[in-house]
């Protein structure tokens, strides 16, 4: 038996291009990659990898909560780092975001560059 779900496009959030910040399909919520943009100013919070990672996670949290999800619903994450030598510092902040150590599956890769010269971008998939 096949079941069709109509996608719900969620425009909440700050974008710097022609894409939707989040799409909900049934019980799944797919988030576009988030960088450390301050939603009020549109500026990158890039004082340090820790500051930037915290802002990325705040942006993710805002999108999740807009649809009634939270970090405990995240089942998959893709992390893109401009410099792999930032891995441990990003990882310390990232790890504190998930309740009781219930981490999603994750892939982390180094990339040549990111939009706005960001140091980290994180995309997630959540299920509820």
PDB file of N, CA and C in Angstrom:
ATOM      1  N   UNK A   1       0.847  -1.169   0.000  1.00  0.00           N
ATOM      2  CA  UNK A   1       0.000   0.000   0.000  1.00  0.00           C
ATOM      3  C   UNK A   1       0.893   1.233   0.000  1.00  0.00           C
ATOM      4  N   UNK A   2       0.652   2.105  -0.916  1.00  0.00           N
ATOM      5  CA  UNK A   2       1.461   3.316  -0.986  1.00  0.00           C
ATOM      6  C   UNK A   2       0.706   4.483  -0.368  1.00  0.00           C
ATOM      7  N   UNK A   3       1.469   5.347   0.280  1.00  0.00           N
ATOM      8  CA  UNK A   3       0.888   6.513   0.943  1.00  0.00           C
ATOM      9  C   UNK A   3       1.598   7.751   0.452  1.00  0.00           C
ATOM     10  N   UNK A   4       0.861   8.747   0.034  1.00  0.00           N
ATOM     11  CA  UNK A   4       1.470   9.985  -0.449  1.00  0.00           C
ATOM     12  C   UNK A   4       1.333  11.066   0.610  1.00  0.00           C
ATOM     13  N   UNK A   5       2.385  11.816   0.798  1.00  0.00           N
ATOM     14  CA  UNK A   5       2.376  12.947   1.720  1.00  0.00           C
ATOM     15  C   UNK A   5       2.677  14.207   0.925  1.00  0.00           C
ATOM     16  N   UNK A   6       1.899  15.225   1.158  1.00  0.00           N
ATOM     17  CA  UNK A   6       2.165  16.511   0.516  1.00  0.00           C
ATOM     18  C   UNK A   6       3.205  17.255   1.344  1.00  0.00           C
ATOM     19  N   UNK A   7       4.295  17.688   0.732  1.00  0.00           N
ATOM     20  CA  UNK A   7       5.302  18.415   1.495  1.00  0.00           C
ATOM     21  C   UNK A   7       4.778  19.765   1.977  1.00  0.00           C
ATOM     22  N   UNK A   8       5.201  20.147   3.164  1.00  0.00           N
ATOM     23  CA  UNK A   8       4.890  21.466   3.723  1.00  0.00           C
ATOM     24  C   UNK A   8       6.198  22.247   3.756  1.00  0.00           C
ATOM     25  N   UNK A   9       6.245  23.350   3.035  1.00  0.00           N
ATOM     26  CA  UNK A   9       7.460  24.160   2.955  1.00  0.00           C
ATOM     27  C   UNK A   9       7.429  25.206   4.059  1.00  0.00           C
ATOM     28  N   UNK A  10       8.460  25.209   4.894  1.00  0.00           N
ATOM     29  CA  UNK A  10       8.516  26.116   6.037  1.00  0.00           C
ATOM     30  C   UNK A  10       9.481  27.244   5.706  1.00  0.00           C
ATOM     31  N   UNK A  11       8.950  28.454   5.608  1.00  0.00           N
ATOM     32  CA  UNK A  11       9.759  29.603   5.203  1.00  0.00           C
ATOM     33  C   UNK A  11      10.421  30.294   6.381  1.00  0.00           C
ATOM     34  N   UNK A  12      10.095  29.864   7.609  1.00  0.00           N
ATOM     35  CA  UNK A  12      10.694  30.460   8.808  1.00  0.00           C
ATOM     36  C   UNK A  12      12.206  30.291   8.762  1.00  0.00           C
ATOM     37  N   UNK A  13      12.941  31.357   8.995  1.00  0.00           N
ATOM     38  CA  UNK A  13      14.398  31.257   9.024  1.00  0.00           C
ATOM     39  C   UNK A  13      15.038  32.215   8.047  1.00  0.00           C
ATOM     40  N   UNK A  14      16.335  32.326   8.159  1.00  0.00           N
ATOM     41  CA  UNK A  14      17.109  33.226   7.323  1.00  0.00           C
ATOM     42  C   UNK A  14      17.782  32.417   6.225  1.00  0.00           C
ATOM     43  N   UNK A  15      17.602  32.843   4.976  1.00  0.00           N
ATOM     44  CA  UNK A  15      18.277  32.171   3.868  1.00  0.00           C
ATOM     45  C   UNK A  15      19.111  33.188   3.103  1.00  0.00           C
ATOM     46  N   UNK A  16      20.095  32.683   2.394  1.00  0.00           N
ATOM     47  CA  UNK A  16      20.923  33.549   1.565  1.00  0.00           C
ATOM     48  C   UNK A  16      20.876  33.098   0.110  1.00  0.00           C
ATOM     49  N   UNK A  17      19.844  32.343  -0.230  1.00  0.00           N
ATOM     50  CA  UNK A  17      19.723  31.850  -1.589  1.00  0.00           C
ATOM     51  C   UNK A  17      18.332  31.318  -1.855  1.00  0.00           C
ATOM     52  N   UNK A  18      18.123  30.794  -3.057  1.00  0.00           N
ATOM     53  CA  UNK A  18      16.812  30.285  -3.438  1.00  0.00           C
ATOM     54  C   UNK A  18      16.581  28.858  -2.933  1.00  0.00           C
ATOM     55  N   UNK A  19      16.321  28.739  -1.656  1.00  0.00           N
ATOM     56  CA  UNK A  19      16.023  27.436  -1.067  1.00  0.00           C
ATOM     57  C   UNK A  19      15.098  27.632   0.127  1.00  0.00           C
ATOM     58  N   UNK A  20      14.457  26.547   0.535  1.00  0.00           N
ATOM     59  CA  UNK A  20      13.546  26.560   1.674  1.00  0.00           C
ATOM     60  C   UNK A  20      14.309  26.082   2.907  1.00  0.00           C
ATOM     61  N   UNK A  21      14.200  26.795   4.035  1.00  0.00           N
ATOM     62  CA  UNK A  21      14.923  26.381   5.239  1.00  0.00           C
ATOM     63  C   UNK A  21      14.536  24.991   5.746  1.00  0.00           C
ATOM     64  N   UNK A  22      13.255  24.618   5.572  1.00  0.00           N
ATOM     65  CA  UNK A  22      12.805  23.317   6.079  1.00  0.00           C
ATOM     66  C   UNK A  22      11.600  22.846   5.278  1.00  0.00           C
ATOM     67  N   UNK A  23      11.493  21.530   5.163  1.00  0.00           N
ATOM     68  CA  UNK A  23      10.340  20.913   4.503  1.00  0.00           C
ATOM     69  C   UNK A  23       9.885  19.762   5.385  1.00  0.00           C
ATOM     70  N   UNK A  24       8.583  19.756   5.667  1.00  0.00           N
ATOM     71  CA  UNK A  24       8.008  18.650   6.441  1.00  0.00           C
ATOM     72  C   UNK A  24       7.248  17.745   5.494  1.00  0.00           C
ATOM     73  N   UNK A  25       7.522  16.444   5.611  1.00  0.00           N
ATOM     74  CA  UNK A  25       6.818  15.428   4.837  1.00  0.00           C
ATOM     75  C   UNK A  25       6.400  14.354   5.826  1.00  0.00           C
ATOM     76  N   UNK A  26       5.102  14.295   6.116  1.00  0.00           N
ATOM     77  CA  UNK A  26       4.620  13.336   7.104  1.00  0.00           C
ATOM     78  C   UNK A  26       5.253  13.595   8.456  1.00  0.00           C
ATOM     79  N   UNK A  27       5.863  12.567   9.025  1.00  0.00           N
ATOM     80  CA  UNK A  27       6.515  12.688  10.331  1.00  0.00           C
ATOM     81  C   UNK A  27       7.972  13.126  10.242  1.00  0.00           C
ATOM     82  N   UNK A  28       8.455  13.379   9.039  1.00  0.00           N
ATOM     83  CA  UNK A  28       9.845  13.796   8.838  1.00  0.00           C
ATOM     84  C   UNK A  28       9.938  15.303   8.653  1.00  0.00           C
ATOM     85  N   UNK A  29      11.016  15.881   9.160  1.00  0.00           N
ATOM     86  CA  UNK A  29      11.329  17.290   8.942  1.00  0.00           C
ATOM     87  C   UNK A  29      12.762  17.351   8.425  1.00  0.00           C
ATOM     88  N   UNK A  30      12.928  17.898   7.224  1.00  0.00           N
ATOM     89  CA  UNK A  30      14.229  18.018   6.577  1.00  0.00           C
ATOM     90  C   UNK A  30      14.666  19.474   6.644  1.00  0.00           C
ATOM     91  N   UNK A  31      15.816  19.730   7.243  1.00  0.00           N
ATOM     92  CA  UNK A  31      16.333  21.091   7.340  1.00  0.00           C
ATOM     93  C   UNK A  31      17.485  21.289   6.370  1.00  0.00           C
ATOM     94  N   UNK A  32      17.452  22.418   5.671  1.00  0.00           N
ATOM     95  CA  UNK A  32      18.588  22.810   4.843  1.00  0.00           C
ATOM     96  C   UNK A  32      19.787  23.050   5.741  1.00  0.00           C
ATOM     97  N   UNK A  33      20.964  22.991   5.170  1.00  0.00           N
ATOM     98  CA  UNK A  33      22.167  23.288   5.938  1.00  0.00           C
ATOM     99  C   UNK A  33      22.090  24.683   6.535  1.00  0.00           C
ATOM    100  N   UNK A  34      22.418  24.769   7.808  1.00  0.00           N
ATOM    101  CA  UNK A  34      22.393  26.045   8.527  1.00  0.00           C
ATOM    102  C   UNK A  34      23.821  26.487   8.817  1.00  0.00           C
ATOM    103  N   UNK A  35      24.076  27.772   8.576  1.00  0.00           N
ATOM    104  CA  UNK A  35      25.342  28.359   8.991  1.00  0.00           C
ATOM    105  C   UNK A  35      25.041  29.315  10.136  1.00  0.00           C
ATOM    106  N   UNK A  36      26.053  29.916  10.691  1.00  0.00           N
ATOM    107  CA  UNK A  36      25.885  30.727  11.896  1.00  0.00           C
ATOM    108  C   UNK A  36      25.372  32.128  11.665  1.00  0.00           C
ATOM    109  N   UNK A  37      24.330  32.269  10.849  1.00  0.00           N
ATOM    110  CA  UNK A  37      23.744  33.589  10.611  1.00  0.00           C
ATOM    111  C   UNK A  37      22.876  34.008  11.784  1.00  0.00           C
ATOM    112  N   UNK A  38      23.062  35.228  12.224  1.00  0.00           N
ATOM    113  CA  UNK A  38      22.172  35.828  13.221  1.00  0.00           C
ATOM    114  C   UNK A  38      20.894  36.197  12.481  1.00  0.00           C
ATOM    115  N   UNK A  39      19.737  35.632  12.853  1.00  0.00           N
ATOM    116  CA  UNK A  39      18.509  35.900  12.106  1.00  0.00           C
ATOM    117  C   UNK A  39      18.086  37.366  12.142  1.00  0.00           C
ATOM    118  N   UNK A  40      18.446  38.089  13.181  1.00  0.00           N
ATOM    119  CA  UNK A  40      18.050  39.498  13.288  1.00  0.00           C
ATOM    120  C   UNK A  40      18.836  40.378  12.320  1.00  0.00           C
ATOM    121  N   UNK A  41      20.130  40.125  12.201  1.00  0.00           N
ATOM    122  CA  UNK A  41      20.977  40.994  11.378  1.00  0.00           C
ATOM    123  C   UNK A  41      21.351  40.380  10.033  1.00  0.00           C
ATOM    124  N   UNK A  42      21.280  39.059   9.929  1.00  0.00           N
ATOM    125  CA  UNK A  42      21.736  38.388   8.717  1.00  0.00           C
ATOM    126  C   UNK A  42      23.249  38.266   8.641  1.00  0.00           C
ATOM    127  N   UNK A  43      23.933  38.698   9.703  1.00  0.00           N
ATOM    128  CA  UNK A  43      25.396  38.623   9.745  1.00  0.00           C
ATOM    129  C   UNK A  43      25.857  37.293  10.325  1.00  0.00           C
ATOM    130  N   UNK A  44      27.021  36.861   9.871  1.00  0.00           N
ATOM    131  CA  UNK A  44      27.610  35.624  10.360  1.00  0.00           C
ATOM    132  C   UNK A  44      28.230  35.850  11.730  1.00  0.00           C
ATOM    133  N   UNK A  45      27.886  34.993  12.695  1.00  0.00           N
ATOM    134  CA  UNK A  45      28.484  35.032  14.041  1.00  0.00           C
ATOM    135  C   UNK A  45      29.747  34.181  13.990  1.00  0.00           C
ATOM    136  N   UNK A  46      30.867  34.805  13.672  1.00  0.00           N
ATOM    137  CA  UNK A  46      32.083  34.047  13.414  1.00  0.00           C
ATOM    138  C   UNK A  46      33.243  34.439  14.319  1.00  0.00           C
ATOM    139  N   UNK A  47      32.948  34.833  15.565  1.00  0.00           N
ATOM    140  CA  UNK A  47      34.027  35.177  16.498  1.00  0.00           C
ATOM    141  C   UNK A  47      34.945  33.989  16.743  1.00  0.00           C
ATOM    142  N   UNK A  48      34.362  32.800  16.797  1.00  0.00           N
ATOM    143  CA  UNK A  48      35.119  31.565  17.023  1.00  0.00           C
ATOM    144  C   UNK A  48      34.278  30.410  16.492  1.00  0.00           C
ATOM    145  N   UNK A  49      34.894  29.258  16.331  1.00  0.00           N
ATOM    146  CA  UNK A  49      34.136  28.082  15.892  1.00  0.00           C
ATOM    147  C   UNK A  49      33.071  27.723  16.919  1.00  0.00           C
ATOM    148  N   UNK A  50      33.351  27.962  18.195  1.00  0.00           N
ATOM    149  CA  UNK A  50      32.360  27.679  19.236  1.00  0.00           C
ATOM    150  C   UNK A  50      31.148  28.600  19.096  1.00  0.00           C
ATOM    151  N   UNK A  51      31.385  29.899  18.922  1.00  0.00           N
ATOM    152  CA  UNK A  51      30.294  30.870  18.750  1.00  0.00           C
ATOM    153  C   UNK A  51      29.474  30.534  17.513  1.00  0.00           C
ATOM    154  N   UNK A  52      30.164  30.216  16.443  1.00  0.00           N
ATOM    155  CA  UNK A  52      29.488  29.903  15.187  1.00  0.00           C
ATOM    156  C   UNK A  52      28.652  28.627  15.313  1.00  0.00           C
ATOM    157  N   UNK A  53      29.209  27.604  15.937  1.00  0.00           N
ATOM    158  CA  UNK A  53      28.475  26.344  16.119  1.00  0.00           C
ATOM    159  C   UNK A  53      27.248  26.554  16.994  1.00  0.00           C
ATOM    160  N   UNK A  54      27.381  27.333  18.055  1.00  0.00           N
ATOM    161  CA  UNK A  54      26.214  27.630  18.912  1.00  0.00           C
ATOM    162  C   UNK A  54      25.108  28.312  18.106  1.00  0.00           C
ATOM    163  N   UNK A  55      25.481  29.267  17.243  1.00  0.00           N
ATOM    164  CA  UNK A  55      24.474  29.961  16.437  1.00  0.00           C
ATOM    165  C   UNK A  55      23.826  29.008  15.440  1.00  0.00           C
ATOM    166  N   UNK A  56      24.611  28.147  14.822  1.00  0.00           N
ATOM    167  CA  UNK A  56      24.058  27.138  13.913  1.00  0.00           C
ATOM    168  C   UNK A  56      23.013  26.300  14.647  1.00  0.00           C
ATOM    169  N   UNK A  57      23.343  25.841  15.845  1.00  0.00           N
ATOM    170  CA  UNK A  57      22.419  24.996  16.611  1.00  0.00           C
ATOM    171  C   UNK A  57      21.194  25.776  17.074  1.00  0.00           C
ATOM    172  N   UNK A  58      21.344  27.063  17.370  1.00  0.00           N
ATOM    173  CA  UNK A  58      20.162  27.896  17.694  1.00  0.00           C
ATOM    174  C   UNK A  58      19.254  28.013  16.475  1.00  0.00           C
ATOM    175  N   UNK A  59      19.853  28.181  15.295  1.00  0.00           N
ATOM    176  CA  UNK A  59      19.059  28.271  14.068  1.00  0.00           C
ATOM    177  C   UNK A  59      18.321  26.960  13.806  1.00  0.00           C
ATOM    178  N   UNK A  60      18.998  25.849  13.999  1.00  0.00           N
ATOM    179  CA  UNK A  60      18.363  24.537  13.839  1.00  0.00           C
ATOM    180  C   UNK A  60      17.233  24.384  14.848  1.00  0.00           C
ATOM    181  N   UNK A  61      17.496  24.742  16.085  1.00  0.00           N
ATOM    182  CA  UNK A  61      16.491  24.618  17.146  1.00  0.00           C
ATOM    183  C   UNK A  61      15.239  25.431  16.826  1.00  0.00           C
ATOM    184  N   UNK A  62      15.417  26.639  16.323  1.00  0.00           N
ATOM    185  CA  UNK A  62      14.279  27.495  15.983  1.00  0.00           C
ATOM    186  C   UNK A  62      13.417  26.841  14.897  1.00  0.00           C
ATOM    187  N   UNK A  63      14.065  26.276  13.879  1.00  0.00           N
ATOM    188  CA  UNK A  63      13.323  25.608  12.808  1.00  0.00           C
ATOM    189  C   UNK A  63      12.620  24.350  13.313  1.00  0.00           C
ATOM    190  N   UNK A  64      13.296  23.571  14.142  1.00  0.00           N
ATOM    191  CA  UNK A  64      12.668  22.374  14.709  1.00  0.00           C
ATOM    192  C   UNK A  64      11.433  22.746  15.524  1.00  0.00           C
ATOM    193  N   UNK A  65      11.572  23.719  16.403  1.00  0.00           N
ATOM    194  CA  UNK A  65      10.474  24.113  17.299  1.00  0.00           C
ATOM    195  C   UNK A  65       9.289  24.713  16.542  1.00  0.00           C
ATOM    196  N   UNK A  66       9.550  25.341  15.415  1.00  0.00           N
ATOM    197  CA  UNK A  66       8.463  25.903  14.603  1.00  0.00           C
ATOM    198  C   UNK A  66       7.484  24.820  14.152  1.00  0.00           C
ATOM    199  N   UNK A  67       7.963  23.575  14.102  1.00  0.00           N
ATOM    200  CA  UNK A  67       7.112  22.456  13.691  1.00  0.00           C
ATOM    201  C   UNK A  67       6.832  21.483  14.832  1.00  0.00           C
ATOM    202  N   UNK A  68       7.136  21.888  16.067  1.00  0.00           N
ATOM    203  CA  UNK A  68       6.849  21.038  17.217  1.00  0.00           C
ATOM    204  C   UNK A  68       7.882  19.952  17.474  1.00  0.00           C
ATOM    205  N   UNK A  69       9.051  20.071  16.900  1.00  0.00           N
ATOM    206  CA  UNK A  69      10.145  19.122  17.101  1.00  0.00           C
ATOM    207  C   UNK A  69      11.149  19.733  18.075  1.00  0.00           C
ATOM    208  N   UNK A  70      12.097  18.914  18.538  1.00  0.00           N
ATOM    209  CA  UNK A  70      13.240  19.427  19.293  1.00  0.00           C
ATOM    210  C   UNK A  70      14.444  18.540  18.988  1.00  0.00           C
ATOM    211  N   UNK A  71      15.553  18.804  19.647  1.00  0.00           N
ATOM    212  CA  UNK A  71      16.788  18.080  19.324  1.00  0.00           C
ATOM    213  C   UNK A  71      16.675  16.573  19.549  1.00  0.00           C
ATOM    214  N   UNK A  72      15.777  16.152  20.422  1.00  0.00           N
ATOM    215  CA  UNK A  72      15.621  14.709  20.661  1.00  0.00           C
ATOM    216  C   UNK A  72      15.002  13.996  19.459  1.00  0.00           C
ATOM    217  N   UNK A  73      14.426  14.751  18.524  1.00  0.00           N
ATOM    218  CA  UNK A  73      13.824  14.169  17.330  1.00  0.00           C
ATOM    219  C   UNK A  73      14.796  14.062  16.156  1.00  0.00           C
ATOM    220  N   UNK A  74      15.985  14.625  16.288  1.00  0.00           N
ATOM    221  CA  UNK A  74      16.954  14.604  15.188  1.00  0.00           C
ATOM    222  C   UNK A  74      17.516  13.191  15.048  1.00  0.00           C
ATOM    223  N   UNK A  75      17.407  12.641  13.832  1.00  0.00           N
ATOM    224  CA  UNK A  75      17.877  11.277  13.590  1.00  0.00           C
ATOM    225  C   UNK A  75      19.122  11.228  12.711  1.00  0.00           C
ATOM    226  N   UNK A  76      19.409  12.323  11.997  1.00  0.00           N
ATOM    227  CA  UNK A  76      20.564  12.349  11.105  1.00  0.00           C
ATOM    228  C   UNK A  76      21.106  13.767  11.013  1.00  0.00           C
ATOM    229  N   UNK A  77      22.429  13.878  10.957  1.00  0.00           N
ATOM    230  CA  UNK A  77      23.067  15.187  10.803  1.00  0.00           C
ATOM    231  C   UNK A  77      24.229  15.068   9.829  1.00  0.00           C
ATOM    232  N   UNK A  78      24.389  16.093   9.013  1.00  0.00           N
ATOM    233  CA  UNK A  78      25.548  16.214   8.131  1.00  0.00           C
ATOM    234  C   UNK A  78      26.268  17.493   8.520  1.00  0.00           C
ATOM    235  N   UNK A  79      27.543  17.372   8.868  1.00  0.00           N
ATOM    236  CA  UNK A  79      28.340  18.510   9.318  1.00  0.00           C
ATOM    237  C   UNK A  79      29.422  18.774   8.279  1.00  0.00           C
ATOM    238  N   UNK A  80      29.523  20.032   7.866  1.00  0.00           N
ATOM    239  CA  UNK A  80      30.527  20.454   6.899  1.00  0.00           C
ATOM    240  C   UNK A  80      31.450  21.451   7.586  1.00  0.00           C
ATOM    241  N   UNK A  81      32.737  21.150   7.605  1.00  0.00           N
ATOM    242  CA  UNK A  81      33.732  22.021   8.234  1.00  0.00           C
ATOM    243  C   UNK A  81      34.685  22.556   7.178  1.00  0.00           C
ATOM    244  N   UNK A  82      34.945  23.855   7.237  1.00  0.00           N
ATOM    245  CA  UNK A  82      35.911  24.447   6.313  1.00  0.00           C
ATOM    246  C   UNK A  82      37.329  24.032   6.681  1.00  0.00           C
ATOM    247  N   UNK A  83      37.565  23.790   7.963  1.00  0.00           N
ATOM    248  CA  UNK A  83      38.885  23.346   8.417  1.00  0.00           C
ATOM    249  C   UNK A  83      38.704  22.216   9.427  1.00  0.00           C
ATOM    250  N   UNK A  84      39.229  21.052   9.107  1.00  0.00           N
ATOM    251  CA  UNK A  84      39.057  19.899   9.984  1.00  0.00           C
ATOM    252  C   UNK A  84      39.754  20.089  11.331  1.00  0.00           C
ATOM    253  N   UNK A  85      40.692  21.031  11.419  1.00  0.00           N
ATOM    254  CA  UNK A  85      41.321  21.271  12.721  1.00  0.00           C
ATOM    255  C   UNK A  85      40.351  21.918  13.712  1.00  0.00           C
ATOM    256  N   UNK A  86      39.158  22.309  13.263  1.00  0.00           N
ATOM    257  CA  UNK A  86      38.099  22.813  14.153  1.00  0.00           C
ATOM    258  C   UNK A  86      37.194  21.697  14.672  1.00  0.00           C
ATOM    259  N   UNK A  87      37.467  20.459  14.267  1.00  0.00           N
ATOM    260  CA  UNK A  87      36.574  19.346  14.586  1.00  0.00           C
ATOM    261  C   UNK A  87      36.321  19.197  16.086  1.00  0.00           C
ATOM    262  N   UNK A  88      37.359  19.118  16.894  1.00  0.00           N
ATOM    263  CA  UNK A  88      37.190  18.864  18.337  1.00  0.00           C
ATOM    264  C   UNK A  88      36.406  19.986  19.014  1.00  0.00           C
ATOM    265  N   UNK A  89      36.687  21.232  18.650  1.00  0.00           N
ATOM    266  CA  UNK A  89      35.997  22.363  19.283  1.00  0.00           C
ATOM    267  C   UNK A  89      34.528  22.427  18.849  1.00  0.00           C
ATOM    268  N   UNK A  90      34.263  22.176  17.559  1.00  0.00           N
ATOM    269  CA  UNK A  90      32.873  22.116  17.089  1.00  0.00           C
ATOM    270  C   UNK A  90      32.161  20.957  17.765  1.00  0.00           C
ATOM    271  N   UNK A  91      32.835  19.819  17.860  1.00  0.00           N
ATOM    272  CA  UNK A  91      32.243  18.599  18.403  1.00  0.00           C
ATOM    273  C   UNK A  91      31.818  18.769  19.862  1.00  0.00           C
ATOM    274  N   UNK A  92      32.594  19.515  20.639  1.00  0.00           N
ATOM    275  CA  UNK A  92      32.253  19.742  22.052  1.00  0.00           C
ATOM    276  C   UNK A  92      30.929  20.492  22.175  1.00  0.00           C
ATOM    277  N   UNK A  93      30.716  21.493  21.344  1.00  0.00           N
ATOM    278  CA  UNK A  93      29.460  22.260  21.369  1.00  0.00           C
ATOM    279  C   UNK A  93      28.327  21.402  20.813  1.00  0.00           C
ATOM    280  N   UNK A  94      28.563  20.753  19.688  1.00  0.00           N
ATOM    281  CA  UNK A  94      27.562  19.897  19.045  1.00  0.00           C
ATOM    282  C   UNK A  94      27.067  18.825  20.019  1.00  0.00           C
ATOM    283  N   UNK A  95      27.979  18.164  20.710  1.00  0.00           N
ATOM    284  CA  UNK A  95      27.619  17.079  21.627  1.00  0.00           C
ATOM    285  C   UNK A  95      26.725  17.522  22.765  1.00  0.00           C
ATOM    286  N   UNK A  96      26.871  18.767  23.191  1.00  0.00           N
ATOM    287  CA  UNK A  96      26.055  19.274  24.307  1.00  0.00           C
ATOM    288  C   UNK A  96      24.622  19.592  23.891  1.00  0.00           C
ATOM    289  N   UNK A  97      24.354  19.611  22.594  1.00  0.00           N
ATOM    290  CA  UNK A  97      23.034  19.974  22.079  1.00  0.00           C
ATOM    291  C   UNK A  97      22.017  18.842  22.230  1.00  0.00           C
ATOM    292  N   UNK A  98      22.480  17.617  22.286  1.00  0.00           N
ATOM    293  CA  UNK A  98      21.571  16.472  22.288  1.00  0.00           C
ATOM    294  C   UNK A  98      21.353  15.948  23.697  1.00  0.00           C
ATOM    295  N   UNK A  99      20.083  15.711  24.068  1.00  0.00           N
ATOM    296  CA  UNK A  99      19.755  15.307  25.439  1.00  0.00           C
ATOM    297  C   UNK A  99      20.255  13.907  25.771  1.00  0.00           C
ATOM    298  N   UNK A 100      20.834  13.784  26.937  1.00  0.00           N
ATOM    299  CA  UNK A 100      21.236  12.488  27.497  1.00  0.00           C
ATOM    300  C   UNK A 100      22.100  11.666  26.547  1.00  0.00           C
ATOM    301  N   UNK A 101      22.885  12.344  25.726  1.00  0.00           N
ATOM    302  CA  UNK A 101      23.797  11.623  24.843  1.00  0.00           C
ATOM    303  C   UNK A 101      23.129  10.810  23.760  1.00  0.00           C
ATOM    304  N   UNK A 102      21.877  11.122  23.438  1.00  0.00           N
ATOM    305  CA  UNK A 102      21.174  10.412  22.362  1.00  0.00           C
ATOM    306  C   UNK A 102      21.479  11.137  21.050  1.00  0.00           C
ATOM    307  N   UNK A 103      22.585  10.724  20.448  1.00  0.00           N
ATOM    308  CA  UNK A 103      23.071  11.405  19.255  1.00  0.00           C
ATOM    309  C   UNK A 103      22.474  10.798  17.989  1.00  0.00           C
ATOM    310  N   UNK A 104      22.228  11.633  16.983  1.00  0.00           N
ATOM    311  CA  UNK A 104      21.786  11.105  15.691  1.00  0.00           C
ATOM    312  C   UNK A 104      22.973  10.496  14.940  1.00  0.00           C
ATOM    313  N   UNK A 105      22.675   9.740  13.896  1.00  0.00           N
ATOM    314  CA  UNK A 105      23.752   9.322  13.004  1.00  0.00           C
ATOM    315  C   UNK A 105      24.330  10.598  12.398  1.00  0.00           C
ATOM    316  N   UNK A 106      25.620  10.555  12.043  1.00  0.00           N
ATOM    317  CA  UNK A 106      26.236  11.793  11.567  1.00  0.00           C
ATOM    318  C   UNK A 106      27.359  11.492  10.596  1.00  0.00           C
ATOM    319  N   UNK A 107      27.497  12.384   9.644  1.00  0.00           N
ATOM    320  CA  UNK A 107      28.635  12.409   8.742  1.00  0.00           C
ATOM    321  C   UNK A 107      29.279  13.775   8.888  1.00  0.00           C
ATOM    322  N   UNK A 108      30.599  13.809   9.005  1.00  0.00           N
ATOM    323  CA  UNK A 108      31.330  15.073   9.062  1.00  0.00           C
ATOM    324  C   UNK A 108      32.390  15.053   7.975  1.00  0.00           C
ATOM    325  N   UNK A 109      32.397  16.094   7.154  1.00  0.00           N
ATOM    326  CA  UNK A 109      33.376  16.181   6.075  1.00  0.00           C
ATOM    327  C   UNK A 109      34.003  17.569   6.055  1.00  0.00           C
ATOM    328  N   UNK A 110      35.226  17.624   5.562  1.00  0.00           N
ATOM    329  CA  UNK A 110      35.890  18.906   5.329  1.00  0.00           C
ATOM    330  C   UNK A 110      35.560  19.348   3.906  1.00  0.00           C
ATOM    331  N   UNK A 111      35.309  20.633   3.748  1.00  0.00           N
ATOM    332  CA  UNK A 111      34.979  21.197   2.440  1.00  0.00           C
ATOM    333  C   UNK A 111      35.922  22.365   2.146  1.00  0.00           C
ATOM    334  N   UNK A 112      36.046  22.703   0.871  1.00  0.00           N
ATOM    335  CA  UNK A 112      36.950  23.781   0.475  1.00  0.00           C
ATOM    336  C   UNK A 112      36.470  25.143   0.966  1.00  0.00           C
ATOM    337  N   UNK A 113      35.162  25.351   0.971  1.00  0.00           N
ATOM    338  CA  UNK A 113      34.619  26.637   1.407  1.00  0.00           C
ATOM    339  C   UNK A 113      33.134  26.465   1.693  1.00  0.00           C
ATOM    340  N   UNK A 114      32.562  27.455   2.371  1.00  0.00           N
ATOM    341  CA  UNK A 114      31.132  27.482   2.684  1.00  0.00           C
ATOM    342  C   UNK A 114      30.608  28.885   2.397  1.00  0.00           C
ATOM    343  N   UNK A 115      29.292  29.035   2.202  1.00  0.00           N
ATOM    344  CA  UNK A 115      28.736  30.366   1.960  1.00  0.00           C
ATOM    345  C   UNK A 115      29.136  31.353   3.058  1.00  0.00           C
ATOM    346  N   UNK A 116      29.407  32.569   2.649  1.00  0.00           N
ATOM    347  CA  UNK A 116      29.787  33.662   3.561  1.00  0.00           C
ATOM    348  C   UNK A 116      31.063  33.356   4.337  1.00  0.00           C
ATOM    349  N   UNK A 117      31.864  32.410   3.816  1.00  0.00           N
ATOM    350  CA  UNK A 117      33.118  31.998   4.478  1.00  0.00           C
ATOM    351  C   UNK A 117      32.859  31.432   5.873  1.00  0.00           C
ATOM    352  N   UNK A 118      31.686  30.840   6.057  1.00  0.00           N
ATOM    353  CA  UNK A 118      31.354  30.191   7.332  1.00  0.00           C
ATOM    354  C   UNK A 118      32.356  29.074   7.596  1.00  0.00           C
ATOM    355  N   UNK A 119      32.534  28.749   8.858  1.00  0.00           N
ATOM    356  CA  UNK A 119      33.439  27.670   9.245  1.00  0.00           C
ATOM    357  C   UNK A 119      32.726  26.340   9.430  1.00  0.00           C
ATOM    358  N   UNK A 120      31.398  26.397   9.639  1.00  0.00           N
ATOM    359  CA  UNK A 120      30.633  25.173   9.874  1.00  0.00           C
ATOM    360  C   UNK A 120      29.227  25.336   9.298  1.00  0.00           C
ATOM    361  N   UNK A 121      28.716  24.263   8.732  1.00  0.00           N
ATOM    362  CA  UNK A 121      27.330  24.186   8.266  1.00  0.00           C
ATOM    363  C   UNK A 121      26.801  22.832   8.711  1.00  0.00           C
ATOM    364  N   UNK A 122      25.572  22.821   9.219  1.00  0.00           N
ATOM    365  CA  UNK A 122      24.967  21.570   9.683  1.00  0.00           C
ATOM    366  C   UNK A 122      23.561  21.456   9.098  1.00  0.00           C
ATOM    367  N   UNK A 123      23.275  20.303   8.499  1.00  0.00           N
ATOM    368  CA  UNK A 123      21.940  19.974   8.002  1.00  0.00           C
ATOM    369  C   UNK A 123      21.435  18.784   8.805  1.00  0.00           C
ATOM    370  N   UNK A 124      20.147  18.780   9.145  1.00  0.00           N
ATOM    371  CA  UNK A 124      19.603  17.671   9.929  1.00  0.00           C
ATOM    372  C   UNK A 124      18.291  17.165   9.344  1.00  0.00           C
ATOM    373  N   UNK A 125      17.972  15.939   9.717  1.00  0.00           N
ATOM    374  CA  UNK A 125      16.672  15.329   9.446  1.00  0.00           C
ATOM    375  C   UNK A 125      16.110  14.907  10.795  1.00  0.00           C
ATOM    376  N   UNK A 126      14.848  15.243  11.028  1.00  0.00           N
ATOM    377  CA  UNK A 126      14.191  14.880  12.287  1.00  0.00           C
ATOM    378  C   UNK A 126      12.961  14.032  11.984  1.00  0.00           C
ATOM    379  N   UNK A 127      12.571  13.230  12.960  1.00  0.00           N
ATOM    380  CA  UNK A 127      11.404  12.355  12.829  1.00  0.00           C
ATOM    381  C   UNK A 127      10.627  12.376  14.133  1.00  0.00           C
ATOM    382  N   UNK A 128       9.307  12.462  14.005  1.00  0.00           N
ATOM    383  CA  UNK A 128       8.460  12.456  15.210  1.00  0.00           C
ATOM    384  C   UNK A 128       7.178  11.702  14.933  1.00  0.00           C
TER     385      UNK A 128
END
